[in-house]
Structures are given as structure tokens and as C-alpha cells.
């Protein structure tokens, strides 16, 4: 199945969920936000949120940091 992932066309397994996509991409779910077709996907629904052909998925990683003075 073809989806657009962060702006790039990507092939994923035919039966995929947001959770399985994150696993496939080796992305932990603790510090990410996922958007599917313009809507934020709540973390509690990652396992149930099925992906469909031509979905547009955006994954944003949160990074910590800062400067210690």
C-alpha cells in the first residue's frame, strides 16, 4: 500500500496501523505526534487507527535539550 510519509511516497504493509507503522520505522511512541490526513491521532488509538491507500501521514519527533549555563 502506498502512503505519503512526511512528504515522501512510501510503501507499507497492506494491513497497517499507526502503531505498526511506528514499529516498522523503529520509532518509539513516547516522544512523537502523528497526524493522519490532517488530523492528530491520539496515542490511545494508535493500535486501532488503520492506514488506508494514499493516506498522508506526518510524524513529528519531540527532542529535549537546552543549554546549561
Protein backbone atom coordinates (compact mmCIF):
# COMPACT_ATOMS: atom_id res chain seq x y z
CA UNK A 1 0.00 0.00 0.00
CA UNK A 2 1.29 3.48 -0.84
CA UNK A 3 1.12 6.37 1.63
CA UNK A 4 2.77 9.75 1.83
CA UNK A 5 5.01 9.82 4.88
CA UNK A 6 6.46 13.19 5.85
CA UNK A 7 6.17 14.32 2.24
CA UNK A 8 7.60 11.18 0.58
CA UNK A 9 5.68 8.36 -1.13
CA UNK A 10 6.31 5.19 0.89
CA UNK A 11 5.28 1.55 0.58
CA UNK A 12 3.88 -0.02 3.78
CA UNK A 13 2.34 -3.37 4.65
CA UNK A 14 -1.19 -3.81 3.31
CA UNK A 15 -2.73 -4.15 6.77
CA UNK A 16 -1.11 -1.42 8.83
CA UNK A 17 -1.99 0.71 11.80
CA UNK A 18 -0.28 3.78 13.13
CA UNK A 19 1.27 1.57 15.84
CA UNK A 20 2.63 -0.95 13.33
CA UNK A 21 3.99 1.86 11.14
CA UNK A 22 5.94 3.27 14.09
CA UNK A 23 7.31 -0.22 14.81
CA UNK A 24 8.23 -0.70 11.14
CA UNK A 25 10.08 2.63 11.21
CA UNK A 26 11.75 1.84 14.58
CA UNK A 27 10.20 4.95 16.13
CA UNK A 28 9.25 4.89 19.81
CA UNK A 29 5.86 6.36 20.59
CA UNK A 30 6.88 8.27 23.73
CA UNK A 31 8.05 11.49 22.10
CA UNK A 32 6.19 11.64 18.80
CA UNK A 33 3.00 13.10 17.43
CA UNK A 34 1.26 11.54 14.45
CA UNK A 35 -1.07 13.28 12.04
CA UNK A 36 -3.22 11.31 9.57
CA UNK A 37 -4.79 13.24 6.71
CA UNK A 38 -4.56 16.49 8.64
CA UNK A 39 -5.93 15.16 11.95
CA UNK A 40 -3.88 14.45 15.08
CA UNK A 41 -4.07 10.78 16.05
CA UNK A 42 -4.46 10.30 19.82
CA UNK A 43 -1.80 7.96 21.22
CA UNK A 44 -4.52 5.82 22.82
CA UNK A 45 -5.84 4.94 19.34
CA UNK A 46 -2.55 4.10 17.56
CA UNK A 47 -3.37 0.34 17.59
CA UNK A 48 -6.88 0.86 16.18
CA UNK A 49 -6.07 3.63 13.67
CA UNK A 50 -5.85 1.72 10.37
CA UNK A 51 -3.93 3.19 7.47
CA UNK A 52 -5.51 3.33 4.01
CA UNK A 53 -4.13 3.64 0.49
CA UNK A 54 -2.98 7.22 -0.25
CA UNK A 55 -3.13 8.39 3.38
CA UNK A 56 -0.90 11.31 4.25
CA UNK A 57 1.00 10.71 7.49
CA UNK A 58 3.17 13.23 9.29
CA UNK A 59 5.32 12.09 12.20
CA UNK A 60 6.92 14.71 14.41
CA UNK A 61 9.66 13.78 16.89
CA UNK A 62 9.97 15.87 20.03
CA UNK A 63 13.51 16.42 21.18
CA UNK A 64 14.60 17.71 24.52
CA UNK A 65 17.53 19.82 25.17
CA UNK A 66 18.63 23.17 26.19
CA UNK A 67 21.64 24.97 27.33
CA UNK A 68 23.11 24.67 30.77
CA UNK A 69 24.89 27.76 31.98
